[in-house]
Amino acid sequence: MGYKQALKENQTETFNAVITDIGENGSSMQVEGLETNDINSRGAFIFSVEDDTKLEWHHAPIKLSEFDVGDCVAVTYTGSIMESYPGQIEKVTKLQLLDDEK
């Protein structure tokens, strides 16, 4: 099937990344996983931000429009990652801004 990894339902994984691109519609992002991550969470990934994706900064809700290219984020996801370039994450459940200032 060509999946890098698949998680059981309700099981999540989180990795840290830098936003490298935000789609024109604002609901898709491409990120580059940091070298400090597990080897499977390094490299480029793309995903959609859905209405039910939690968006946070210091545990407070924020808007998608507050994320910018270059921001450091924690990406929490469930499901599978398709082996392609960039890797396609099936379902992002939370996107947390890690930068100290916004």
PDB file of N, CA and C in Angstrom:
ATOM      1  N   MET A   1       0.804  -1.198   0.000  1.00  0.00           N
ATOM      2  CA  MET A   1       0.000   0.000   0.000  1.00  0.00           C
ATOM      3  C   MET A   1       0.843   1.256   0.000  1.00  0.00           C
ATOM      4  N   GLY A   2       2.048   1.164   0.470  1.00  0.00           N
ATOM      5  CA  GLY A   2       2.911   2.334   0.424  1.00  0.00           C
ATOM      6  C   GLY A   2       2.724   3.299   1.568  1.00  0.00           C
ATOM      7  N   TYR A   3       2.363   2.818   2.728  1.00  0.00           N
ATOM      8  CA  TYR A   3       2.220   3.699   3.883  1.00  0.00           C
ATOM      9  C   TYR A   3       3.475   3.633   4.729  1.00  0.00           C
ATOM     10  N   LYS A   4       3.961   4.797   5.132  1.00  0.00           N
ATOM     11  CA  LYS A   4       5.134   4.856   5.988  1.00  0.00           C
ATOM     12  C   LYS A   4       4.801   4.265   7.349  1.00  0.00           C
ATOM     13  N   GLN A   5       3.630   4.652   7.862  1.00  0.00           N
ATOM     14  CA  GLN A   5       3.196   4.122   9.139  1.00  0.00           C
ATOM     15  C   GLN A   5       1.699   4.339   9.265  1.00  0.00           C
ATOM     16  N   ALA A   6       1.062   3.505  10.052  1.00  0.00           N
ATOM     17  CA  ALA A   6      -0.371   3.658  10.305  1.00  0.00           C
ATOM     18  C   ALA A   6      -0.600   3.490  11.798  1.00  0.00           C
ATOM     19  N   LEU A   7      -1.404   4.371  12.364  1.00  0.00           N
ATOM     20  CA  LEU A   7      -1.705   4.312  13.786  1.00  0.00           C
ATOM     21  C   LEU A   7      -3.090   3.739  13.990  1.00  0.00           C
ATOM     22  N   LYS A   8      -3.267   3.065  15.120  1.00  0.00           N
ATOM     23  CA  LYS A   8      -4.587   2.555  15.455  1.00  0.00           C
ATOM     24  C   LYS A   8      -5.523   3.723  15.724  1.00  0.00           C
ATOM     25  N   GLU A   9      -6.812   3.461  15.564  1.00  0.00           N
ATOM     26  CA  GLU A   9      -7.812   4.498  15.803  1.00  0.00           C
ATOM     27  C   GLU A   9      -7.636   5.064  17.210  1.00  0.00           C
ATOM     28  N   ASN A  10      -7.701   6.374  17.331  1.00  0.00           N
ATOM     29  CA  ASN A  10      -7.560   7.125  18.584  1.00  0.00           C
ATOM     30  C   ASN A  10      -6.135   7.163  19.120  1.00  0.00           C
ATOM     31  N   GLN A  11      -5.173   6.532  18.465  1.00  0.00           N
ATOM     32  CA  GLN A  11      -3.772   6.620  18.862  1.00  0.00           C
ATOM     33  C   GLN A  11      -3.156   7.784  18.095  1.00  0.00           C
ATOM     34  N   THR A  12      -2.414   8.632  18.807  1.00  0.00           N
ATOM     35  CA  THR A  12      -1.830   9.797  18.148  1.00  0.00           C
ATOM     36  C   THR A  12      -0.314   9.800  18.287  1.00  0.00           C
ATOM     37  N   GLU A  13       0.316  10.528  17.401  1.00  0.00           N
ATOM     38  CA  GLU A  13       1.756  10.785  17.435  1.00  0.00           C
ATOM     39  C   GLU A  13       1.946  12.281  17.269  1.00  0.00           C
ATOM     40  N   THR A  14       3.029  12.806  17.841  1.00  0.00           N
ATOM     41  CA  THR A  14       3.337  14.232  17.728  1.00  0.00           C
ATOM     42  C   THR A  14       4.793  14.394  17.320  1.00  0.00           C
ATOM     43  N   PHE A  15       5.042  15.342  16.435  1.00  0.00           N
ATOM     44  CA  PHE A  15       6.415  15.684  16.081  1.00  0.00           C
ATOM     45  C   PHE A  15       6.515  17.191  15.908  1.00  0.00           C
ATOM     46  N   ASN A  16       7.731  17.706  16.035  1.00  0.00           N
ATOM     47  CA  ASN A  16       7.979  19.143  15.887  1.00  0.00           C
ATOM     48  C   ASN A  16       8.479  19.434  14.476  1.00  0.00           C
ATOM     49  N   ALA A  17       8.061  20.599  13.961  1.00  0.00           N
ATOM     50  CA  ALA A  17       8.391  20.940  12.579  1.00  0.00           C
ATOM     51  C   ALA A  17       8.379  22.449  12.392  1.00  0.00           C
ATOM     52  N   VAL A  18       8.875  22.870  11.241  1.00  0.00           N
ATOM     53  CA  VAL A  18       8.826  24.270  10.826  1.00  0.00           C
ATOM     54  C   VAL A  18       7.903  24.346   9.611  1.00  0.00           C
ATOM     55  N   ILE A  19       6.997  25.316   9.605  1.00  0.00           N
ATOM     56  CA  ILE A  19       6.094  25.505   8.470  1.00  0.00           C
ATOM     57  C   ILE A  19       6.904  26.043   7.290  1.00  0.00           C
ATOM     58  N   THR A  20       6.842  25.335   6.154  1.00  0.00           N
ATOM     59  CA  THR A  20       7.572  25.761   4.959  1.00  0.00           C
ATOM     60  C   THR A  20       6.654  26.325   3.881  1.00  0.00           C
ATOM     61  N   ASP A  21       5.360  26.023   3.968  1.00  0.00           N
ATOM     62  CA  ASP A  21       4.414  26.550   2.982  1.00  0.00           C
ATOM     63  C   ASP A  21       3.000  26.464   3.541  1.00  0.00           C
ATOM     64  N   ILE A  22       2.203  27.468   3.223  1.00  0.00           N
ATOM     65  CA  ILE A  22       0.782  27.466   3.560  1.00  0.00           C
ATOM     66  C   ILE A  22       0.040  27.618   2.246  1.00  0.00           C
ATOM     67  N   GLY A  23      -0.874  26.695   1.960  1.00  0.00           N
ATOM     68  CA  GLY A  23      -1.613  26.718   0.702  1.00  0.00           C
ATOM     69  C   GLY A  23      -2.389  28.008   0.513  1.00  0.00           C
ATOM     70  N   GLU A  24      -2.668  28.330  -0.743  1.00  0.00           N
ATOM     71  CA  GLU A  24      -3.380  29.566  -1.064  1.00  0.00           C
ATOM     72  C   GLU A  24      -4.728  29.657  -0.365  1.00  0.00           C
ATOM     73  N   ASN A  25      -5.384  28.511  -0.202  1.00  0.00           N
ATOM     74  CA  ASN A  25      -6.681  28.511   0.470  1.00  0.00           C
ATOM     75  C   ASN A  25      -6.541  28.593   1.991  1.00  0.00           C
ATOM     76  N   GLY A  26      -5.310  28.464   2.487  1.00  0.00           N
ATOM     77  CA  GLY A  26      -5.050  28.571   3.916  1.00  0.00           C
ATOM     78  C   GLY A  26      -5.368  27.329   4.713  1.00  0.00           C
ATOM     79  N   SER A  27      -5.907  26.293   4.077  1.00  0.00           N
ATOM     80  CA  SER A  27      -6.283  25.110   4.845  1.00  0.00           C
ATOM     81  C   SER A  27      -5.331  23.933   4.649  1.00  0.00           C
ATOM     82  N   SER A  28      -4.249  24.135   3.912  1.00  0.00           N
ATOM     83  CA  SER A  28      -3.239  23.087   3.795  1.00  0.00           C
ATOM     84  C   SER A  28      -1.877  23.676   4.151  1.00  0.00           C
ATOM     85  N   MET A  29      -1.030  22.826   4.716  1.00  0.00           N
ATOM     86  CA  MET A  29       0.309  23.256   5.122  1.00  0.00           C
ATOM     87  C   MET A  29       1.332  22.217   4.727  1.00  0.00           C
ATOM     88  N   GLN A  30       2.534  22.703   4.473  1.00  0.00           N
ATOM     89  CA  GLN A  30       3.680  21.826   4.324  1.00  0.00           C
ATOM     90  C   GLN A  30       4.653  22.192   5.423  1.00  0.00           C
ATOM     91  N   VAL A  31       5.199  21.158   6.067  1.00  0.00           N
ATOM     92  CA  VAL A  31       6.147  21.369   7.158  1.00  0.00           C
ATOM     93  C   VAL A  31       7.383  20.521   6.916  1.00  0.00           C
ATOM     94  N   GLU A  32       8.463  20.883   7.588  1.00  0.00           N
ATOM     95  CA  GLU A  32       9.710  20.120   7.564  1.00  0.00           C
ATOM     96  C   GLU A  32       9.988  19.664   8.988  1.00  0.00           C
ATOM     97  N   GLY A  33       9.950  18.341   9.211  1.00  0.00           N
ATOM     98  CA  GLY A  33      10.212  17.789  10.537  1.00  0.00           C
ATOM     99  C   GLY A  33      11.627  18.099  10.984  1.00  0.00           C
ATOM    100  N   LEU A  34      11.796  18.393  12.268  1.00  0.00           N
ATOM    101  CA  LEU A  34      13.104  18.753  12.810  1.00  0.00           C
ATOM    102  C   LEU A  34      14.008  17.535  12.949  1.00  0.00           C
ATOM    103  N   GLU A  35      15.313  17.757  12.883  1.00  0.00           N
ATOM    104  CA  GLU A  35      16.301  16.684  13.018  1.00  0.00           C
ATOM    105  C   GLU A  35      16.262  16.025  14.396  1.00  0.00           C
ATOM    106  N   THR A  36      15.703  16.704  15.391  1.00  0.00           N
ATOM    107  CA  THR A  36      15.615  16.141  16.740  1.00  0.00           C
ATOM    108  C   THR A  36      14.486  15.124  16.864  1.00  0.00           C
ATOM    109  N   ASN A  37      13.622  15.014  15.860  1.00  0.00           N
ATOM    110  CA  ASN A  37      12.527  14.040  15.868  1.00  0.00           C
ATOM    111  C   ASN A  37      13.047  12.636  15.618  1.00  0.00           C
ATOM    112  N   ASP A  38      12.184  11.660  15.904  1.00  0.00           N
ATOM    113  CA  ASP A  38      12.404  10.296  15.470  1.00  0.00           C
ATOM    114  C   ASP A  38      12.629  10.312  13.954  1.00  0.00           C
ATOM    115  N   ILE A  39      13.416   9.378  13.454  1.00  0.00           N
ATOM    116  CA  ILE A  39      13.764   9.384  12.030  1.00  0.00           C
ATOM    117  C   ILE A  39      12.536   9.368  11.116  1.00  0.00           C
ATOM    118  N   ASN A  40      11.433   8.752  11.549  1.00  0.00           N
ATOM    119  CA  ASN A  40      10.218   8.705  10.733  1.00  0.00           C
ATOM    120  C   ASN A  40       9.477  10.037  10.691  1.00  0.00           C
ATOM    121  N   SER A  41       9.859  10.975  11.540  1.00  0.00           N
ATOM    122  CA  SER A  41       9.181  12.277  11.597  1.00  0.00           C
ATOM    123  C   SER A  41      10.082  13.407  11.116  1.00  0.00           C
ATOM    124  N   ARG A  42      11.089  13.064  10.344  1.00  0.00           N
ATOM    125  CA  ARG A  42      11.945  14.068   9.717  1.00  0.00           C
ATOM    126  C   ARG A  42      11.541  14.180   8.259  1.00  0.00           C
ATOM    127  N   GLY A  43      11.918  15.244   7.621  1.00  0.00           N
ATOM    128  CA  GLY A  43      11.587  15.412   6.216  1.00  0.00           C
ATOM    129  C   GLY A  43      10.333  16.240   6.030  1.00  0.00           C
ATOM    130  N   ALA A  44       9.848  16.272   4.792  1.00  0.00           N
ATOM    131  CA  ALA A  44       8.711  17.125   4.430  1.00  0.00           C
ATOM    132  C   ALA A  44       7.399  16.357   4.544  1.00  0.00           C
ATOM    133  N   PHE A  45       6.382  17.050   5.045  1.00  0.00           N
ATOM    134  CA  PHE A  45       5.039  16.492   5.175  1.00  0.00           C
ATOM    135  C   PHE A  45       4.028  17.546   4.750  1.00  0.00           C
ATOM    136  N   ILE A  46       2.911  17.093   4.204  1.00  0.00           N
ATOM    137  CA  ILE A  46       1.822  17.989   3.840  1.00  0.00           C
ATOM    138  C   ILE A  46       0.540  17.454   4.472  1.00  0.00           C
ATOM    139  N   PHE A  47      -0.339  18.366   4.854  1.00  0.00           N
ATOM    140  CA  PHE A  47      -1.606  17.952   5.467  1.00  0.00           C
ATOM    141  C   PHE A  47      -2.632  19.064   5.330  1.00  0.00           C
ATOM    142  N   SER A  48      -3.887  18.684   5.516  1.00  0.00           N
ATOM    143  CA  SER A  48      -4.991  19.644   5.529  1.00  0.00           C
ATOM    144  C   SER A  48      -5.338  19.978   6.962  1.00  0.00           C
ATOM    145  N   VAL A  49      -5.728  21.213   7.185  1.00  0.00           N
ATOM    146  CA  VAL A  49      -6.230  21.639   8.491  1.00  0.00           C
ATOM    147  C   VAL A  49      -7.749  21.682   8.366  1.00  0.00           C
ATOM    148  N   GLU A  50      -8.418  20.796   9.100  1.00  0.00           N
ATOM    149  CA  GLU A  50      -9.875  20.673   9.028  1.00  0.00           C
ATOM    150  C   GLU A  50     -10.539  21.538  10.095  1.00  0.00           C
ATOM    151  N   ASP A  51     -11.854  21.646  10.014  1.00  0.00           N
ATOM    152  CA  ASP A  51     -12.609  22.428  11.000  1.00  0.00           C
ATOM    153  C   ASP A  51     -12.439  21.898  12.419  1.00  0.00           C
ATOM    154  N   ASP A  52     -12.227  20.579  12.563  1.00  0.00           N
ATOM    155  CA  ASP A  52     -12.099  19.998  13.899  1.00  0.00           C
ATOM    156  C   ASP A  52     -10.646  19.892  14.381  1.00  0.00           C
ATOM    157  N   THR A  53      -9.688  20.415  13.616  1.00  0.00           N
ATOM    158  CA  THR A  53      -8.291  20.436  14.054  1.00  0.00           C
ATOM    159  C   THR A  53      -8.129  21.502  15.135  1.00  0.00           C
ATOM    160  N   LYS A  54      -7.609  21.101  16.302  1.00  0.00           N
ATOM    161  CA  LYS A  54      -7.377  22.066  17.385  1.00  0.00           C
ATOM    162  C   LYS A  54      -6.150  22.908  17.048  1.00  0.00           C
ATOM    163  N   LEU A  55      -6.285  24.216  17.141  1.00  0.00           N
ATOM    164  CA  LEU A  55      -5.194  25.156  16.887  1.00  0.00           C
ATOM    165  C   LEU A  55      -4.891  25.881  18.182  1.00  0.00           C
ATOM    166  N   GLU A  56      -3.641  25.775  18.674  1.00  0.00           N
ATOM    167  CA  GLU A  56      -3.303  26.322  19.988  1.00  0.00           C
ATOM    168  C   GLU A  56      -1.972  27.055  19.992  1.00  0.00           C
ATOM    169  N   TRP A  57      -1.862  27.991  20.912  1.00  0.00           N
ATOM    170  CA  TRP A  57      -0.609  28.646  21.270  1.00  0.00           C
ATOM    171  C   TRP A  57      -0.632  28.807  22.786  1.00  0.00           C
ATOM    172  N   HIS A  58       0.319  28.226  23.482  1.00  0.00           N
ATOM    173  CA  HIS A  58       0.362  28.213  24.952  1.00  0.00           C
ATOM    174  C   HIS A  58      -0.965  27.725  25.525  1.00  0.00           C
ATOM    175  N   HIS A  59      -1.515  26.668  24.937  1.00  0.00           N
ATOM    176  CA  HIS A  59      -2.756  26.001  25.355  1.00  0.00           C
ATOM    177  C   HIS A  59      -3.998  26.864  25.200  1.00  0.00           C
ATOM    178  N   ALA A  60      -3.908  27.979  24.500  1.00  0.00           N
ATOM    179  CA  ALA A  60      -5.068  28.837  24.225  1.00  0.00           C
ATOM    180  C   ALA A  60      -5.422  28.707  22.740  1.00  0.00           C
ATOM    181  N   PRO A  61      -6.705  28.703  22.414  1.00  0.00           N
ATOM    182  CA  PRO A  61      -7.109  28.598  21.007  1.00  0.00           C
ATOM    183  C   PRO A  61      -6.645  29.802  20.189  1.00  0.00           C
ATOM    184  N   ILE A  62      -6.204  29.537  18.966  1.00  0.00           N
ATOM    185  CA  ILE A  62      -5.846  30.614  18.038  1.00  0.00           C
ATOM    186  C   ILE A  62      -6.467  30.306  16.678  1.00  0.00           C
ATOM    187  N   LYS A  63      -6.385  31.261  15.778  1.00  0.00           N
ATOM    188  CA  LYS A  63      -6.940  31.092  14.432  1.00  0.00           C
ATOM    189  C   LYS A  63      -5.863  30.590  13.480  1.00  0.00           C
ATOM    190  N   LEU A  64      -6.302  29.908  12.451  1.00  0.00           N
ATOM    191  CA  LEU A  64      -5.381  29.396  11.441  1.00  0.00           C
ATOM    192  C   LEU A  64      -4.577  30.521  10.801  1.00  0.00           C
ATOM    193  N   SER A  65      -5.187  31.676  10.657  1.00  0.00           N
ATOM    194  CA  SER A  65      -4.519  32.820  10.029  1.00  0.00           C
ATOM    195  C   SER A  65      -3.334  33.338  10.846  1.00  0.00           C
ATOM    196  N   GLU A  66      -3.207  32.885  12.098  1.00  0.00           N
ATOM    197  CA  GLU A  66      -2.103  33.325  12.953  1.00  0.00           C
ATOM    198  C   GLU A  66      -0.824  32.519  12.735  1.00  0.00           C
ATOM    199  N   PHE A  67      -0.898  31.452  11.949  1.00  0.00           N
ATOM    200  CA  PHE A  67       0.286  30.660  11.619  1.00  0.00           C
ATOM    201  C   PHE A  67       0.952  31.252  10.382  1.00  0.00           C
ATOM    202  N   ASP A  68       2.294  31.287  10.393  1.00  0.00           N
ATOM    203  CA  ASP A  68       3.058  31.849   9.282  1.00  0.00           C
ATOM    204  C   ASP A  68       4.176  30.897   8.872  1.00  0.00           C
ATOM    205  N   VAL A  69       4.619  31.014   7.630  1.00  0.00           N
ATOM    206  CA  VAL A  69       5.795  30.275   7.174  1.00  0.00           C
ATOM    207  C   VAL A  69       6.962  30.643   8.086  1.00  0.00           C
ATOM    208  N   GLY A  70       7.710  29.635   8.529  1.00  0.00           N
ATOM    209  CA  GLY A  70       8.836  29.845   9.433  1.00  0.00           C
ATOM    210  C   GLY A  70       8.508  29.570  10.885  1.00  0.00           C
ATOM    211  N   ASP A  71       7.216  29.472  11.218  1.00  0.00           N
ATOM    212  CA  ASP A  71       6.824  29.173  12.598  1.00  0.00           C
ATOM    213  C   ASP A  71       7.196  27.742  12.958  1.00  0.00           C
ATOM    214  N   CYS A  72       7.594  27.537  14.207  1.00  0.00           N
ATOM    215  CA  CYS A  72       7.857  26.210  14.744  1.00  0.00           C
ATOM    216  C   CYS A  72       6.558  25.695  15.365  1.00  0.00           C
ATOM    217  N   VAL A  73       6.165  24.466  15.009  1.00  0.00           N
ATOM    218  CA  VAL A  73       4.893  23.909  15.457  1.00  0.00           C
ATOM    219  C   VAL A  73       5.072  22.471  15.929  1.00  0.00           C
ATOM    220  N   ALA A  74       4.128  22.027  16.753  1.00  0.00           N
ATOM    221  CA  ALA A  74       3.997  20.620  17.111  1.00  0.00           C
ATOM    222  C   ALA A  74       2.788  20.095  16.350  1.00  0.00           C
ATOM    223  N   VAL A  75       2.981  19.040  15.578  1.00  0.00           N
ATOM    224  CA  VAL A  75       1.921  18.452  14.764  1.00  0.00           C
ATOM    225  C   VAL A  75       1.501  17.139  15.414  1.00  0.00           C
ATOM    226  N   THR A  76       0.241  17.052  15.827  1.00  0.00           N
ATOM    227  CA  THR A  76      -0.304  15.825  16.395  1.00  0.00           C
ATOM    228  C   THR A  76      -1.256  15.227  15.367  1.00  0.00           C
ATOM    229  N   TYR A  77      -1.062  13.941  15.069  1.00  0.00           N
ATOM    230  CA  TYR A  77      -1.866  13.312  14.022  1.00  0.00           C
ATOM    231  C   TYR A  77      -2.262  11.899  14.410  1.00  0.00           C
ATOM    232  N   THR A  78      -3.236  11.381  13.677  1.00  0.00           N
ATOM    233  CA  THR A  78      -3.653   9.997  13.803  1.00  0.00           C
ATOM    234  C   THR A  78      -3.832   9.445  12.398  1.00  0.00           C
ATOM    235  N   GLY A  79      -3.850   8.153  12.282  1.00  0.00           N
ATOM    236  CA  GLY A  79      -4.003   7.552  10.957  1.00  0.00           C
ATOM    237  C   GLY A  79      -2.663   7.295  10.315  1.00  0.00           C
ATOM    238  N   SER A  80      -2.643   7.350   9.006  1.00  0.00           N
ATOM    239  CA  SER A  80      -1.450   6.944   8.270  1.00  0.00           C
ATOM    240  C   SER A  80      -0.759   8.129   7.611  1.00  0.00           C
ATOM    241  N   ILE A  81       0.477   7.878   7.214  1.00  0.00           N
ATOM    242  CA  ILE A  81       1.244   8.830   6.413  1.00  0.00           C
ATOM    243  C   ILE A  81       1.594   8.112   5.114  1.00  0.00           C
ATOM    244  N   MET A  82       1.149   8.669   4.013  1.00  0.00           N
ATOM    245  CA  MET A  82       1.444   8.045   2.720  1.00  0.00           C
ATOM    246  C   MET A  82       2.897   8.313   2.343  1.00  0.00           C
ATOM    247  N   GLU A  83       3.554   7.264   1.860  1.00  0.00           N
ATOM    248  CA  GLU A  83       4.936   7.396   1.411  1.00  0.00           C
ATOM    249  C   GLU A  83       4.952   8.063   0.054  1.00  0.00           C
ATOM    250  N   SER A  84       5.145   9.344   0.064  1.00  0.00           N
ATOM    251  CA  SER A  84       5.256  10.142  -1.150  1.00  0.00           C
ATOM    252  C   SER A  84       6.176  11.290  -0.782  1.00  0.00           C
ATOM    253  N   TYR A  85       6.439  12.165  -1.705  1.00  0.00           N
ATOM    254  CA  TYR A  85       7.199  13.353  -1.329  1.00  0.00           C
ATOM    255  C   TYR A  85       6.399  14.577  -1.727  1.00  0.00           C
ATOM    256  N   PRO A  86       6.017  15.390  -0.766  1.00  0.00           N
ATOM    257  CA  PRO A  86       6.185  15.171   0.675  1.00  0.00           C
ATOM    258  C   PRO A  86       5.229  14.100   1.192  1.00  0.00           C
ATOM    259  N   GLY A  87       5.543  13.547   2.368  1.00  0.00           N
ATOM    260  CA  GLY A  87       4.650  12.583   2.993  1.00  0.00           C
ATOM    261  C   GLY A  87       3.298  13.232   3.270  1.00  0.00           C
ATOM    262  N   GLN A  88       2.218  12.493   3.050  1.00  0.00           N
ATOM    263  CA  GLN A  88       0.871  13.036   3.229  1.00  0.00           C
ATOM    264  C   GLN A  88       0.260  12.479   4.505  1.00  0.00           C
ATOM    265  N   ILE A  89       0.022  13.367   5.472  1.00  0.00           N
ATOM    266  CA  ILE A  89      -0.562  12.958   6.746  1.00  0.00           C
ATOM    267  C   ILE A  89      -2.073  12.909   6.589  1.00  0.00           C
ATOM    268  N   GLU A  90      -2.650  11.774   6.965  1.00  0.00           N
ATOM    269  CA  GLU A  90      -4.085  11.559   6.786  1.00  0.00           C
ATOM    270  C   GLU A  90      -4.939  12.502   7.629  1.00  0.00           C
ATOM    271  N   LYS A  91      -4.658  12.616   8.934  1.00  0.00           N
ATOM    272  CA  LYS A  91      -5.532  13.391   9.819  1.00  0.00           C
ATOM    273  C   LYS A  91      -4.712  14.082  10.905  1.00  0.00           C
ATOM    274  N   VAL A  92      -4.616  15.410  10.841  1.00  0.00           N
ATOM    275  CA  VAL A  92      -3.970  16.186  11.901  1.00  0.00           C
ATOM    276  C   VAL A  92      -5.048  16.578  12.904  1.00  0.00           C
ATOM    277  N   THR A  93      -4.846  16.199  14.164  1.00  0.00           N
ATOM    278  CA  THR A  93      -5.846  16.491  15.200  1.00  0.00           C
ATOM    279  C   THR A  93      -5.545  17.774  15.956  1.00  0.00           C
ATOM    280  N   LYS A  94      -4.238  18.142  16.025  1.00  0.00           N
ATOM    281  CA  LYS A  94      -3.869  19.374  16.733  1.00  0.00           C
ATOM    282  C   LYS A  94      -2.618  19.967  16.107  1.00  0.00           C
ATOM    283  N   LEU A  95      -2.621  21.289  15.997  1.00  0.00           N
ATOM    284  CA  LEU A  95      -1.467  22.040  15.515  1.00  0.00           C
ATOM    285  C   LEU A  95      -1.182  23.100  16.564  1.00  0.00           C
ATOM    286  N   GLN A  96      -0.022  22.974  17.206  1.00  0.00           N
ATOM    287  CA  GLN A  96       0.318  23.865  18.317  1.00  0.00           C
ATOM    288  C   GLN A  96       1.513  24.727  17.931  1.00  0.00           C
ATOM    289  N   LEU A  97       1.334  26.040  18.020  1.00  0.00           N
ATOM    290  CA  LEU A  97       2.410  26.985  17.759  1.00  0.00           C
ATOM    291  C   LEU A  97       3.381  26.945  18.929  1.00  0.00           C
ATOM    292  N   LEU A  98       4.673  26.748  18.653  1.00  0.00           N
ATOM    293  CA  LEU A  98       5.668  26.610  19.716  1.00  0.00           C
ATOM    294  C   LEU A  98       6.472  27.875  19.955  1.00  0.00           C
ATOM    295  N   ASP A  99       6.421  28.828  19.053  1.00  0.00           N
ATOM    296  CA  ASP A  99       7.198  30.054  19.219  1.00  0.00           C
ATOM    297  C   ASP A  99       6.746  30.809  20.465  1.00  0.00           C
ATOM    298  N   ASP A 100       7.690  31.448  21.155  1.00  0.00           N
ATOM    299  CA  ASP A 100       7.378  32.181  22.381  1.00  0.00           C
ATOM    300  C   ASP A 100       6.574  33.441  22.126  1.00  0.00           C
ATOM    301  N   GLU A 101       6.810  34.079  20.999  1.00  0.00           N
ATOM    302  CA  GLU A 101       6.100  35.325  20.693  1.00  0.00           C
ATOM    303  C   GLU A 101       5.315  35.156  19.409  1.00  0.00           C
ATOM    304  N   LYS A 102       4.199  35.829  19.355  1.00  0.00           N
ATOM    305  CA  LYS A 102       3.381  35.798  18.144  1.00  0.00           C
ATOM    306  C   LYS A 102       3.004  37.195  17.763  1.00  0.00           C
TER     307      LYS A 102
END
